[in-house]
Amino acid sequence: MMRMYFAALAVSGLVVGGCSKAPDPVSTSAPYAASEGGGDTSGLPAMPADPVLSDPIVDATDPDSIAKTSDRAPIEEAANMAAMSGIGAVSNQPSERDPSPGEPARPIADNEIPVPPAGIPIDDGSMVTGQMPERPLKANLTPDELVAFLAGADRDMQIIASGRSGIDDPEQARSMLVQIIKMKLEASRRLASSTTATKQMASEGARGELQALSHLAALGDLKAATELESLAATTVQSSDPLLASDSRLVLIGFAIERLQQGDGGAAGRIVELVDALAKSSASGDVPAMMVMGEARDKLARYGHDAEAKRVRDTIIDVFADSPDAAIAQMAAQVAGNVRFDGIEGMRATIVDGGEVPMDQWQEAVETLIDESADLQTVQYLAGAALEFEAAGFSDPMTTTYDVLERRFNDDQSATGREVALAVRAKQARQRVLGRPFDPDLPSVDGPRIRIQDFKGKVVLMPFWATSFPESLQIMPMLKEIEANHPDDVAILGMNLDAGGETLDVFLKENPLGFPSFRAESSATEKVANPVAAQFGLVSMPFVAILDREGRVAALDFTGQRLAETVNGLIKVTK
């Protein structure tokens, strides 16, 4: 069990999984947090890009990118070790020169510890075909040289972890990794204790020592684990905020281990460490957030509900309003689920046509936000409001949006932007109703289509994209309605796929049986798809229903009232 924690920490790349989502009242295949916009084209694109964390990315094929990343740059995975990220500063200084092509490798002195040859391609121009340049750890390296050595060791570890070392045997790779880690430990200790190193270099050495011990503990070295805890207990008092923060991450790992062993005081110790960590963590400190999430999960699992809630509240306070939507979303996930049971029952009652006083619904919404003002809560409530809108229940819809706008009014936070986008989408849907719609767009086959060509019929316009299979699931229902009213109903689609999608191949293999406009989406424009934004599309399936005169008579995004709406339009005009 101890090995698992240090593999995950090692020190701060902990990966937390298994957090289930909150109940999803309406399918929201196209997420709310998508794009900015204004005017009639404001709203949301149909197909936002997947969120990407703003942390520096290490390109495993580019050693320089490893050297230039932040202090929390990812490091390596070894055999079955969990994801790990480095806590030691990584220098961009070059490592000691290795033999040039054709130059014989020099002898290794007795006071040097070489990296054993293993075919690891160190891409610094010194590779000799079929040979492995050795990286000696000389006894008299200066602080600058030690920093450079640590950067080289991190690079070597990254190469092994990425599978580019040419080592096929996992045991050999593990043995090589252990030797490099031990050299890194020695170099870090020298740097930390050097009398000629700057204060920053000494801190880098201490952080490298923490990291190396964490790696060894992750590989099952119990002696290293003991040394790690002792070191972290000392360095947590450091004036260097990064070193102190990394030390707290390590100590949280030990406290979690003791919690599982039945130590009664471990829960309080975890909360104490998390509180201190939160004071020094910025909203973009993903490793700290992930470790807090693991702490919350274990506290809850072992029955320490009050402490788990305190850690959860800390995660929300520090990370839920991050300007980075991906980090805010991650915070909602690692913080764990809030209790939706009470409000979920009320939502279902409203949708089923039951009576729920609006003051009770508003109180339930306010309570949910009080308990968890995060992105997960915002998305749940926005989804509920969308379902009320689809069912024609304006009072609970308006109440929900009003509370969301009042409680999340910071447009610089991810939650505030999410609410603003949802509200603008609702306003767009309201604006488009009753208006004629006759876009000047090509068809998926090429020739232009005109709404006027369908005048006299009720037009069912499903918005669809091959990248969102949910958008196609409603097609059988549309065709059934059309078959029941062949003289009064026509289907005319609106395709939203991005440019470059192989629509021809898809349509050849899956003929839809009706024409479609082609409104191409863009991943680079401010408004990814103006047509989707004009209609306030935030979920799929999504069907615009046009009356016999080509006006937008209704929007349906559940399919539950589709036949009823069409029947009403046909009767009105007969």
Protein backbone atom coordinates (compact mmCIF):
# COMPACT_ATOMS: atom_id res chain seq x y z
CA MET A 1 0.00 0.00 0.00
CA MET A 2 2.82 2.38 0.86
CA ARG A 3 4.33 1.82 -2.55
CA MET A 4 1.12 2.92 -4.24
CA TYR A 5 1.14 6.30 -2.57
CA PHE A 6 4.70 7.21 -3.35
CA ALA A 7 4.29 6.01 -6.91
CA ALA A 8 1.38 8.36 -7.20
CA LEU A 9 2.95 11.23 -5.33
CA ALA A 10 6.56 10.99 -6.42
CA VAL A 11 5.94 13.75 -5.57
CA SER A 12 2.98 15.47 -7.10
CA GLY A 13 1.67 13.94 -10.29
CA LEU A 14 -1.13 12.10 -8.56
CA VAL A 15 -3.88 10.93 -10.89
CA VAL A 16 -7.32 10.58 -9.37
CA GLY A 17 -9.99 8.69 -11.26
CA GLY A 18 -13.39 7.20 -10.77
CA CYS A 19 -15.30 10.37 -9.93
CA SER A 20 -18.75 9.87 -11.36
CA LYS A 21 -20.62 12.77 -12.86
CA ALA A 22 -23.65 14.40 -11.36
CA PRO A 23 -27.07 13.49 -12.76
CA ASP A 24 -27.34 14.90 -16.26
CA PRO A 25 -30.93 16.09 -16.82
CA VAL A 26 -30.40 16.79 -20.51
CA SER A 27 -27.81 15.32 -22.83
CA THR A 28 -25.16 17.99 -23.22
CA SER A 29 -22.94 16.51 -25.86
CA ALA A 30 -21.76 19.98 -26.76
CA PRO A 31 -20.45 21.35 -23.44
CA TYR A 32 -21.57 24.77 -22.24
CA ALA A 33 -18.11 26.27 -21.76
CA ALA A 34 -17.34 26.70 -25.39
CA SER A 35 -16.93 30.08 -26.99
CA GLU A 36 -17.56 33.76 -26.72
CA GLY A 37 -19.85 35.66 -29.05
CA GLY A 38 -22.07 38.70 -29.37
CA GLY A 39 -25.23 39.95 -31.02
CA ASP A 40 -27.45 37.54 -32.86
CA THR A 41 -24.52 35.26 -33.36
CA SER A 42 -23.68 35.10 -29.66
CA GLY A 43 -23.83 31.82 -27.89
CA LEU A 44 -22.16 28.51 -28.14
CA PRO A 45 -20.55 26.56 -30.92
CA ALA A 46 -21.73 23.09 -31.67
CA MET A 47 -18.43 21.32 -31.28
CA PRO A 48 -15.95 22.90 -28.87
CA ALA A 49 -12.42 21.58 -28.76
CA ASP A 50 -11.47 19.26 -25.94
CA PRO A 51 -10.17 21.19 -22.94
CA VAL A 52 -6.41 21.33 -22.62
CA LEU A 53 -4.62 22.18 -19.42
CA SER A 54 -2.46 25.25 -19.60
CA ASP A 55 0.46 23.60 -17.84
CA PRO A 56 3.75 23.41 -19.75
CA ILE A 57 3.94 20.38 -21.96
CA VAL A 58 7.01 18.18 -22.06
CA ASP A 59 7.77 16.94 -25.53
CA ALA A 60 9.42 13.57 -24.98
CA THR A 61 11.08 13.88 -28.36
CA ASP A 62 12.67 17.21 -27.49
CA PRO A 63 15.11 17.14 -24.54
CA ASP A 64 15.23 20.93 -24.53
CA SER A 65 11.52 21.08 -23.83
CA ILE A 66 12.11 18.98 -20.73
CA ALA A 67 14.77 21.37 -19.56
CA LYS A 68 12.64 24.46 -20.15
CA THR A 69 9.46 23.41 -18.40
CA SER A 70 8.39 24.72 -15.04
CA ASP A 71 9.45 23.30 -11.69
CA ARG A 72 6.46 20.98 -11.82
CA ALA A 73 7.29 19.51 -15.22
CA PRO A 74 6.27 15.87 -15.68
CA ILE A 75 9.06 13.33 -15.17
CA GLU A 76 8.72 9.61 -15.77
CA GLU A 77 6.79 6.42 -15.41
CA ALA A 78 8.71 3.29 -14.51
CA ALA A 79 7.27 -0.13 -15.17
CA ASN A 80 3.82 -0.02 -13.48
CA MET A 81 4.43 3.17 -11.52
CA ALA A 82 1.66 5.71 -11.46
CA ALA A 83 2.05 9.07 -13.15
CA MET A 84 4.76 11.14 -11.54
CA SER A 85 5.84 14.73 -11.89
CA GLY A 86 9.13 16.28 -10.89
CA ILE A 87 9.51 18.50 -7.90
CA GLY A 88 13.17 19.31 -8.47
CA ALA A 89 14.03 22.29 -10.61
CA VAL A 90 15.21 21.29 -14.03
CA SER A 91 18.02 23.29 -15.50
CA ASN A 92 18.36 24.17 -19.16
CA GLN A 93 22.11 24.08 -18.90
CA PRO A 94 23.85 21.53 -21.10
CA SER A 95 25.23 18.42 -19.52
CA GLU A 96 28.92 17.63 -19.52
CA ARG A 97 30.12 16.94 -23.04
CA ASP A 98 30.16 13.30 -24.09
CA PRO A 99 32.51 11.90 -26.73
CA SER A 100 31.98 13.18 -30.24
CA PRO A 101 31.45 10.74 -33.12
CA GLY A 102 34.68 8.88 -33.74
CA GLU A 103 36.24 10.06 -30.48
CA PRO A 104 37.07 7.24 -28.07
CA ALA A 105 35.26 7.29 -24.76
CA ARG A 106 37.62 8.40 -22.00
CA PRO A 107 38.28 6.10 -19.03
CA ILE A 108 36.07 6.49 -15.98
CA ALA A 109 37.99 7.57 -12.90
CA ASP A 110 37.67 5.69 -9.65
CA ASN A 111 35.81 8.56 -8.03
CA GLU A 112 33.14 8.69 -10.72
CA ILE A 113 29.81 6.88 -10.90
CA PRO A 114 28.86 6.28 -14.53
CA VAL A 115 25.41 5.69 -15.96
CA PRO A 116 25.75 2.11 -17.26
CA PRO A 117 25.56 1.79 -21.05
CA ALA A 118 22.02 0.86 -22.05
CA GLY A 119 21.51 2.34 -25.47
CA ILE A 120 19.63 5.41 -24.20
CA PRO A 121 19.79 8.01 -26.99
CA ILE A 122 20.84 11.23 -25.30
CA ASP A 123 20.12 13.67 -28.08
CA ASP A 124 22.91 16.15 -27.51
CA GLY A 125 24.86 15.39 -30.67
CA SER A 126 27.31 13.14 -28.88
CA MET A 127 25.83 9.76 -29.77
CA VAL A 128 28.18 7.26 -31.31
CA THR A 129 26.31 4.67 -33.31
CA GLY A 130 25.88 1.54 -31.23
CA GLN A 131 27.35 3.15 -28.11
CA MET A 132 25.86 4.72 -25.03
CA PRO A 133 27.50 7.94 -23.86
CA GLU A 134 28.24 7.78 -20.15
CA ARG A 135 27.20 10.53 -17.76
CA PRO A 136 29.75 10.43 -14.92
CA LEU A 137 29.06 11.96 -11.53
CA LYS A 138 32.47 13.32 -10.64
CA ALA A 139 33.41 14.05 -7.07
CA ASN A 140 34.33 17.69 -7.64
CA LEU A 141 31.42 19.05 -9.67
CA THR A 142 30.59 22.70 -9.08
CA PRO A 143 27.02 23.74 -8.16
CA ASP A 144 26.40 24.79 -11.77
CA GLU A 145 27.64 21.42 -12.97
CA LEU A 146 25.47 19.62 -10.44
CA VAL A 147 22.40 21.50 -11.68
CA ALA A 148 23.31 20.50 -15.23
CA PHE A 149 23.83 16.91 -14.12
CA LEU A 150 20.37 16.80 -12.54
CA ALA A 151 18.85 18.11 -15.77
CA GLY A 152 20.62 15.34 -17.67
CA ALA A 153 19.44 12.71 -15.22
CA ASP A 154 15.87 13.89 -15.56
CA ARG A 155 16.23 13.72 -19.31
CA ASP A 156 17.56 10.17 -19.17
CA MET A 157 14.67 9.14 -16.93
CA GLN A 158 12.20 10.73 -19.32
CA ILE A 159 13.69 8.79 -22.22
CA ILE A 160 13.35 5.50 -20.35
CA ALA A 161 9.78 6.33 -19.35
CA SER A 162 8.81 7.25 -22.92
CA GLY A 163 9.96 3.89 -24.22
CA ARG A 164 12.60 5.44 -26.48
CA SER A 165 15.54 3.91 -24.64
CA GLY A 166 15.70 0.81 -26.78
CA ILE A 167 15.33 -1.33 -23.65
CA ASP A 168 12.70 -4.00 -24.19
CA ASP A 169 13.14 -5.82 -20.88
CA PRO A 170 11.09 -4.11 -18.10
CA GLU A 171 13.46 -5.40 -15.41
CA GLN A 172 16.46 -3.97 -17.22
CA ALA A 173 14.66 -0.64 -17.63
CA ARG A 174 13.77 -0.66 -13.94
CA SER A 175 17.37 -1.46 -12.95
CA MET A 176 18.65 1.35 -15.16
CA LEU A 177 16.10 3.75 -13.70
CA VAL A 178 17.05 2.87 -10.14
CA GLN A 179 20.72 3.56 -10.86
CA ILE A 180 19.93 6.95 -12.40
CA ILE A 181 17.66 7.85 -9.47
CA LYS A 182 20.41 6.97 -6.99
CA MET A 183 22.87 9.16 -8.87
CA LYS A 184 20.30 11.95 -8.88
CA LEU A 185 19.89 11.51 -5.12
CA GLU A 186 23.63 11.83 -4.60
CA ALA A 187 23.93 14.87 -6.87
CA SER A 188 20.94 16.54 -5.18
CA ARG A 189 22.45 16.04 -1.72
CA ARG A 190 25.73 17.51 -2.84
CA LEU A 191 23.97 20.53 -4.29
CA ALA A 192 21.79 21.04 -1.20
CA SER A 193 24.82 20.96 1.13
CA SER A 194 27.24 22.88 -1.09
CA THR A 195 28.79 25.90 0.62
CA THR A 196 29.25 27.65 -2.73
CA ALA A 197 25.74 27.09 -4.08
CA THR A 198 23.28 29.96 -4.16
CA LYS A 199 20.19 29.78 -1.97
CA GLN A 200 18.09 28.91 -5.01
CA MET A 201 20.49 26.14 -6.04
CA ALA A 202 20.44 24.71 -2.53
CA SER A 203 16.64 24.63 -2.65
CA GLU A 204 16.81 22.93 -6.02
CA GLY A 205 19.06 20.34 -4.47
CA ALA A 206 16.65 19.73 -1.60
CA ARG A 207 13.74 19.41 -4.01
CA GLY A 208 15.75 17.00 -6.14
CA GLU A 209 16.48 14.94 -3.03
CA LEU A 210 12.76 14.81 -2.20
CA GLN A 211 12.00 13.76 -5.72
CA ALA A 212 14.66 11.06 -5.90
CA LEU A 213 13.60 9.56 -2.57
CA SER A 214 9.98 9.64 -3.72
CA HIS A 215 10.92 7.74 -6.87
CA LEU A 216 12.79 5.11 -4.86
CA ALA A 217 9.92 4.78 -2.37
CA ALA A 218 7.57 4.34 -5.31
CA LEU A 219 9.73 1.43 -6.42
CA GLY A 220 9.35 -0.22 -3.02
CA ASP A 221 12.47 1.02 -1.20
CA LEU A 222 11.27 1.24 2.42
CA LYS A 223 14.52 2.79 3.62
CA ALA A 224 14.07 5.58 1.07
CA ALA A 225 10.49 6.06 2.30
CA THR A 226 11.73 6.50 5.87
CA GLU A 227 14.37 9.00 4.76
CA LEU A 228 11.78 10.80 2.64
CA GLU A 229 9.43 11.41 5.54
CA SER A 230 12.25 12.63 7.75
CA LEU A 231 13.50 15.00 5.06
CA ALA A 232 10.02 16.34 4.27
CA ALA A 233 9.37 17.01 7.96
CA THR A 234 12.44 19.26 7.93
CA THR A 235 12.07 20.95 4.55
CA VAL A 236 8.40 21.78 5.12
CA GLN A 237 9.70 24.65 7.25
CA SER A 238 11.71 26.06 4.35
CA SER A 239 11.27 29.68 3.33
CA ASP A 240 11.23 28.49 -0.30
CA PRO A 241 7.49 28.14 -1.04
CA LEU A 242 8.05 25.49 -3.72
CA LEU A 243 10.17 23.32 -1.44
CA ALA A 244 7.71 23.73 1.43
CA SER A 245 4.79 22.91 -0.86
CA ASP A 246 6.47 19.77 -2.21
CA SER A 247 7.26 18.71 1.34
CA ARG A 248 3.60 19.03 2.32
CA LEU A 249 2.59 16.87 -0.62
CA VAL A 250 4.94 14.17 0.63
CA LEU A 251 3.68 14.47 4.21
CA ILE A 252 0.06 14.25 3.04
CA GLY A 253 0.95 10.97 1.37
CA PHE A 254 2.35 9.62 4.64
CA ALA A 255 -0.70 10.88 6.56
CA ILE A 256 -3.01 9.10 4.09
CA GLU A 257 -1.04 5.91 4.61
CA ARG A 258 -1.42 6.20 8.39
CA LEU A 259 -5.13 6.94 7.99
CA GLN A 260 -5.54 3.60 6.24
CA GLN A 261 -3.58 1.91 9.01
CA GLY A 262 -6.10 3.16 11.59
CA ASP A 263 -4.15 6.09 13.06
CA GLY A 264 -6.80 8.20 14.81
CA GLY A 265 -4.87 11.44 14.46
CA ALA A 266 -4.13 11.10 10.75
CA ALA A 267 -7.37 12.74 9.60
CA GLY A 268 -6.65 15.93 11.50
CA ARG A 269 -3.07 15.93 10.25
CA ILE A 270 -4.29 15.67 6.65
CA VAL A 271 -6.62 18.63 7.09
CA GLU A 272 -3.84 20.67 8.71
CA LEU A 273 -1.45 19.93 5.83
CA VAL A 274 -4.09 20.63 3.19
CA ASP A 275 -4.94 23.97 4.79
CA ALA A 276 -1.28 24.96 4.76
CA LEU A 277 -0.87 23.72 1.19
CA ALA A 278 -3.87 25.77 0.06
CA LYS A 279 -2.32 28.98 1.37
CA SER A 280 0.68 28.53 -0.89
CA SER A 281 -1.06 27.04 -3.94
CA ALA A 282 -2.18 29.06 -6.94
CA SER A 283 -5.37 28.22 -8.85
CA GLY A 284 -3.29 26.53 -11.53
CA ASP A 285 -1.36 24.18 -9.21
CA VAL A 286 -2.80 20.96 -10.61
CA PRO A 287 -0.52 18.54 -8.68
CA ALA A 288 -1.56 20.10 -5.37
CA MET A 289 -5.22 19.89 -6.38
CA MET A 290 -4.91 16.22 -7.30
CA VAL A 291 -3.26 15.32 -4.00
CA MET A 292 -6.00 17.21 -2.13
CA GLY A 293 -8.56 15.25 -4.10
CA GLU A 294 -6.95 11.96 -3.13
CA ALA A 295 -6.91 13.08 0.50
CA ARG A 296 -10.61 13.94 0.36
CA ASP A 297 -11.43 10.60 -1.22
CA LYS A 298 -9.61 8.60 1.45
CA LEU A 299 -11.05 10.67 4.30
CA ALA A 300 -14.57 10.05 3.00
CA ARG A 301 -13.87 6.36 2.39
CA TYR A 302 -12.73 5.85 5.98
CA GLY A 303 -15.68 7.65 7.51
CA HIS A 304 -14.11 11.03 8.31
CA ASP A 305 -16.95 13.00 6.72
CA ALA A 306 -16.30 16.33 8.46
CA GLU A 307 -12.62 16.32 7.49
CA ALA A 308 -13.48 15.21 3.95
CA LYS A 309 -15.88 18.13 3.62
CA ARG A 310 -13.22 20.57 4.84
CA VAL A 311 -10.77 19.32 2.22
CA ARG A 312 -13.48 19.43 -0.43
CA ASP A 313 -14.33 23.03 0.49
CA THR A 314 -10.64 23.88 0.23
CA ILE A 315 -10.41 22.43 -3.27
CA ILE A 316 -13.46 24.42 -4.33
CA ASP A 317 -12.21 27.64 -2.72
CA VAL A 318 -8.78 27.44 -4.37
CA PHE A 319 -9.49 25.90 -7.76
CA ALA A 320 -13.19 26.04 -8.72
CA ASP A 321 -12.98 29.62 -9.98
CA SER A 322 -9.76 29.15 -11.92
CA PRO A 323 -9.71 31.20 -15.14
CA ASP A 324 -8.76 27.94 -16.88
CA ALA A 325 -12.01 26.08 -17.57
CA ALA A 326 -10.21 22.74 -17.76
CA ILE A 327 -8.73 23.21 -14.28
CA ALA A 328 -12.10 24.33 -12.91
CA GLN A 329 -13.71 21.22 -14.40
CA MET A 330 -10.98 19.04 -12.94
CA ALA A 331 -11.51 20.66 -9.54
CA ALA A 332 -15.21 19.75 -9.68
CA GLN A 333 -14.27 16.15 -10.42
CA VAL A 334 -11.53 15.65 -7.84
CA ALA A 335 -13.56 17.45 -5.16
CA GLY A 336 -16.06 14.60 -5.39
CA ASN A 337 -19.77 14.59 -5.93
CA VAL A 338 -22.13 16.72 -3.92
CA ARG A 339 -25.45 15.28 -2.89
CA PHE A 340 -27.96 15.83 -5.70
CA ASP A 341 -30.58 13.52 -4.20
CA GLY A 342 -32.94 16.15 -2.82
CA ILE A 343 -32.89 18.55 -5.72
CA GLU A 344 -32.92 15.71 -8.25
CA GLY A 345 -36.25 14.50 -6.89
CA MET A 346 -37.70 17.99 -7.21
CA ARG A 347 -36.38 18.35 -10.76
CA ALA A 348 -37.97 15.06 -11.79
CA THR A 349 -41.28 16.10 -10.25
CA ILE A 350 -41.30 19.36 -12.22
CA VAL A 351 -40.42 17.65 -15.50
CA ASP A 352 -43.16 15.06 -14.93
CA GLY A 353 -45.69 17.86 -14.52
CA GLY A 354 -45.94 17.71 -10.74
CA GLU A 355 -46.32 20.65 -8.40
CA VAL A 356 -43.22 22.10 -6.78
CA PRO A 357 -43.54 25.58 -5.23
CA MET A 358 -41.02 27.93 -6.78
CA ASP A 359 -39.78 29.13 -3.40
CA GLN A 360 -38.87 25.53 -2.54
CA TRP A 361 -37.12 25.02 -5.85
CA GLN A 362 -35.17 28.26 -5.43
CA GLU A 363 -34.16 27.26 -1.90
CA ALA A 364 -32.92 23.89 -3.20
CA VAL A 365 -30.88 25.61 -5.91
CA GLU A 366 -29.37 28.06 -3.42
CA THR A 367 -28.54 25.23 -1.01
CA LEU A 368 -26.82 23.20 -3.70
CA ILE A 369 -24.68 26.21 -4.63
CA ASP A 370 -23.89 26.87 -0.97
CA GLU A 371 -22.66 23.30 -0.62
CA SER A 372 -20.66 23.25 -3.82
CA ALA A 373 -20.20 26.36 -5.94
CA ASP A 374 -18.26 24.55 -8.64
CA LEU A 375 -18.48 23.86 -12.35
CA GLN A 376 -20.25 20.54 -11.81
CA THR A 377 -23.05 22.27 -9.94
CA VAL A 378 -23.31 24.99 -12.59
CA GLN A 379 -23.59 22.42 -15.36
CA TYR A 380 -26.18 20.42 -13.48
CA LEU A 381 -28.36 23.47 -12.86
CA ALA A 382 -27.92 24.80 -16.39
CA GLY A 383 -28.92 21.37 -17.69
CA ALA A 384 -32.01 21.37 -15.46
CA ALA A 385 -32.99 24.82 -16.72
CA LEU A 386 -32.58 23.59 -20.29
CA GLU A 387 -34.86 20.64 -19.58
CA PHE A 388 -37.50 22.94 -18.07
CA GLU A 389 -37.28 25.07 -21.19
CA ALA A 390 -37.70 22.04 -23.43
CA ALA A 391 -40.76 20.94 -21.44
CA GLY A 392 -42.30 24.41 -21.55
CA PHE A 393 -42.01 25.12 -17.81
CA SER A 394 -40.96 28.76 -17.83
CA ASP A 395 -41.16 29.46 -14.07
CA PRO A 396 -38.55 26.95 -12.87
CA MET A 397 -36.41 27.77 -15.92
CA THR A 398 -36.44 31.49 -15.14
CA THR A 399 -35.87 30.91 -11.43
CA THR A 400 -32.86 28.69 -12.09
CA TYR A 401 -31.23 31.10 -14.53
CA ASP A 402 -31.87 34.05 -12.19
CA VAL A 403 -30.11 32.31 -9.29
CA LEU A 404 -27.21 31.23 -11.50
CA GLU A 405 -26.70 34.78 -12.80
CA ARG A 406 -26.81 36.25 -9.31
CA ARG A 407 -24.53 33.69 -7.67
CA PHE A 408 -21.96 33.38 -10.48
CA ASN A 409 -21.43 36.91 -11.75
CA ASP A 410 -17.63 36.91 -12.09
CA ASP A 411 -17.00 36.67 -15.82
CA GLN A 412 -13.30 36.05 -15.18
CA SER A 413 -13.97 32.70 -13.52
CA ALA A 414 -14.80 29.46 -15.33
CA THR A 415 -18.10 29.14 -13.46
CA GLY A 416 -19.06 32.72 -14.29
CA ARG A 417 -18.23 32.27 -17.95
CA GLU A 418 -20.19 29.02 -18.02
CA VAL A 419 -23.29 30.72 -16.66
CA ALA A 420 -22.90 33.69 -19.01
CA LEU A 421 -22.64 31.38 -22.01
CA ALA A 422 -25.69 29.37 -20.93
CA VAL A 423 -27.73 32.55 -20.46
CA ARG A 424 -26.66 33.96 -23.82
CA ALA A 425 -27.60 30.68 -25.47
CA LYS A 426 -31.05 30.85 -23.87
CA GLN A 427 -31.46 34.43 -25.10
CA ALA A 428 -30.43 33.35 -28.60
CA ARG A 429 -33.07 30.62 -28.59
CA GLN A 430 -35.69 33.13 -27.54
CA ARG A 431 -34.67 35.59 -30.26
CA VAL A 432 -34.81 33.10 -33.09
CA LEU A 433 -38.38 31.98 -32.39
CA GLY A 434 -40.90 33.45 -34.83
CA ARG A 435 -38.23 34.65 -37.26
CA PRO A 436 -37.89 33.50 -40.87
CA PHE A 437 -34.84 31.35 -41.49
CA ASP A 438 -33.50 31.00 -45.02
CA PRO A 439 -29.68 30.73 -44.85
CA ASP A 440 -27.44 31.10 -47.85
CA LEU A 441 -25.49 27.89 -47.35
CA PRO A 442 -24.37 25.01 -49.54
CA SER A 443 -25.70 21.51 -49.03
CA VAL A 444 -23.58 18.57 -47.91
CA ASP A 445 -23.73 17.51 -51.57
CA GLY A 446 -22.61 20.90 -52.87
CA PRO A 447 -25.63 22.62 -54.52
CA ARG A 448 -27.41 25.42 -52.66
CA ILE A 449 -30.66 24.73 -50.84
CA ARG A 450 -33.40 27.28 -50.25
CA ILE A 451 -36.00 27.12 -47.52
CA GLN A 452 -38.45 28.54 -50.03
CA ASP A 453 -38.26 25.25 -51.89
CA PHE A 454 -40.04 23.68 -48.90
CA LYS A 455 -42.69 26.38 -48.48
CA GLY A 456 -46.04 24.93 -47.60
CA LYS A 457 -44.57 22.18 -45.45
CA VAL A 458 -43.58 21.97 -41.82
CA VAL A 459 -39.80 21.52 -41.87
CA LEU A 460 -37.96 19.43 -39.30
CA MET A 461 -34.36 20.64 -39.19
CA PRO A 462 -32.12 18.37 -37.12
CA PHE A 463 -28.69 19.84 -36.32
CA TRP A 464 -26.17 17.03 -36.67
CA ALA A 465 -22.50 16.20 -36.86
CA THR A 466 -20.67 12.95 -37.38
CA SER A 467 -18.53 13.82 -34.35
CA PHE A 468 -21.66 13.77 -32.14
CA PRO A 469 -23.45 10.43 -32.61
CA GLU A 470 -26.18 11.64 -30.22
CA SER A 471 -27.26 14.10 -32.88
CA LEU A 472 -28.17 11.24 -35.23
CA GLN A 473 -30.16 9.19 -32.74
CA ILE A 474 -33.28 11.25 -33.32
CA MET A 475 -33.39 10.58 -37.07
CA PRO A 476 -35.72 7.53 -36.87
CA MET A 477 -38.27 9.61 -34.96
CA LEU A 478 -38.12 12.37 -37.57
CA LYS A 479 -38.58 9.91 -40.42
CA GLU A 480 -41.57 8.36 -38.66
CA ILE A 481 -43.21 11.77 -38.31
CA GLU A 482 -42.50 12.53 -41.96
CA ALA A 483 -43.94 9.15 -43.02
CA ASN A 484 -47.10 9.88 -41.04
CA HIS A 485 -47.51 13.24 -42.80
CA PRO A 486 -45.92 12.84 -46.26
CA ASP A 487 -47.74 15.83 -47.73
CA ASP A 488 -47.18 18.16 -44.79
CA VAL A 489 -43.73 17.45 -43.34
CA ALA A 490 -40.21 17.48 -44.78
CA ILE A 491 -36.82 16.89 -43.19
CA LEU A 492 -34.00 19.30 -43.98
CA GLY A 493 -30.83 18.84 -41.91
CA MET A 494 -28.14 21.25 -40.73
CA ASN A 495 -24.67 19.68 -40.66
CA LEU A 496 -22.15 21.25 -38.28
CA ASP A 497 -19.02 19.18 -38.87
CA ALA A 498 -15.69 20.98 -38.92
CA GLY A 499 -13.79 21.43 -42.14
CA GLY A 500 -11.83 18.43 -43.24
CA GLU A 501 -14.37 15.90 -41.98
CA THR A 502 -14.91 13.09 -44.47
CA LEU A 503 -18.62 13.69 -44.95
CA ASP A 504 -18.69 12.12 -48.40
CA VAL A 505 -17.46 8.81 -47.01
CA PHE A 506 -19.88 8.97 -44.07
CA LEU A 507 -22.89 9.76 -46.27
CA LYS A 508 -21.97 7.06 -48.75
CA GLU A 509 -21.87 4.50 -45.96
CA ASN A 510 -24.81 6.01 -44.03
CA PRO A 511 -27.27 7.68 -46.42
CA LEU A 512 -29.59 9.88 -44.37
CA GLY A 513 -32.40 10.05 -46.90
CA PHE A 514 -32.88 13.82 -46.73
CA PRO A 515 -30.95 16.94 -47.82
CA SER A 516 -28.84 18.95 -45.41
CA PHE A 517 -27.31 22.39 -45.25
CA ARG A 518 -23.57 22.49 -44.60
CA ALA A 519 -22.61 25.00 -41.87
CA GLU A 520 -18.92 24.34 -41.34
CA SER A 521 -17.54 24.74 -37.83
CA SER A 522 -14.15 26.23 -37.04
CA ALA A 523 -11.82 25.53 -34.13
CA THR A 524 -10.06 28.88 -34.52
CA GLU A 525 -12.86 31.43 -34.88
CA LYS A 526 -14.25 33.27 -31.87
CA VAL A 527 -17.69 31.86 -32.69
CA ALA A 528 -17.06 28.31 -33.82
CA ASN A 529 -20.36 28.02 -35.71
CA PRO A 530 -22.54 31.11 -36.24
CA VAL A 531 -25.62 29.07 -37.17
CA ALA A 532 -25.38 26.95 -34.01
CA ALA A 533 -24.79 30.12 -31.99
CA GLN A 534 -27.75 31.87 -33.63
CA PHE A 535 -30.00 29.04 -32.46
CA GLY A 536 -28.42 28.83 -28.99
CA LEU A 537 -27.42 25.20 -29.43
CA VAL A 538 -25.91 23.71 -26.27
CA SER A 539 -27.00 20.09 -26.46
CA MET A 540 -27.83 17.37 -28.93
CA PRO A 541 -30.19 16.16 -30.27
CA PHE A 542 -31.44 19.56 -31.38
CA VAL A 543 -34.27 20.10 -33.87
CA ALA A 544 -35.55 23.41 -35.22
CA ILE A 545 -39.16 23.22 -36.40
CA LEU A 546 -40.16 25.66 -39.15
CA ASP A 547 -43.76 26.41 -39.99
CA ARG A 548 -45.19 26.35 -43.52
CA GLU A 549 -43.96 29.93 -44.09
CA GLY A 550 -40.36 29.15 -43.15
CA ARG A 551 -40.48 30.76 -39.69
CA VAL A 552 -38.89 29.11 -36.65
CA ALA A 553 -41.93 27.89 -34.76
CA ALA A 554 -40.23 25.79 -32.06
CA LEU A 555 -36.99 24.27 -30.88
CA ASP A 556 -36.86 20.74 -29.51
CA PHE A 557 -33.84 19.24 -27.74
CA THR A 558 -35.38 16.18 -26.10
CA GLY A 559 -37.70 14.76 -28.76
CA GLN A 560 -40.41 14.33 -26.15
CA ARG A 561 -42.75 16.99 -27.58
CA LEU A 562 -41.70 16.78 -31.20
CA ALA A 563 -44.73 14.92 -32.60
CA GLU A 564 -47.10 17.03 -30.54
CA THR A 565 -45.58 20.25 -31.86
CA VAL A 566 -45.71 19.09 -35.48
CA ASN A 567 -49.32 17.95 -35.16
CA GLY A 568 -50.26 21.34 -33.75
CA LEU A 569 -48.62 23.19 -36.64
CA ILE A 570 -50.32 20.98 -39.23
CA LYS A 571 -53.77 21.46 -37.68
CA VAL A 572 -53.37 25.23 -37.44
CA THR A 573 -52.80 25.57 -41.17
CA LYS A 574 -55.51 23.14 -42.33
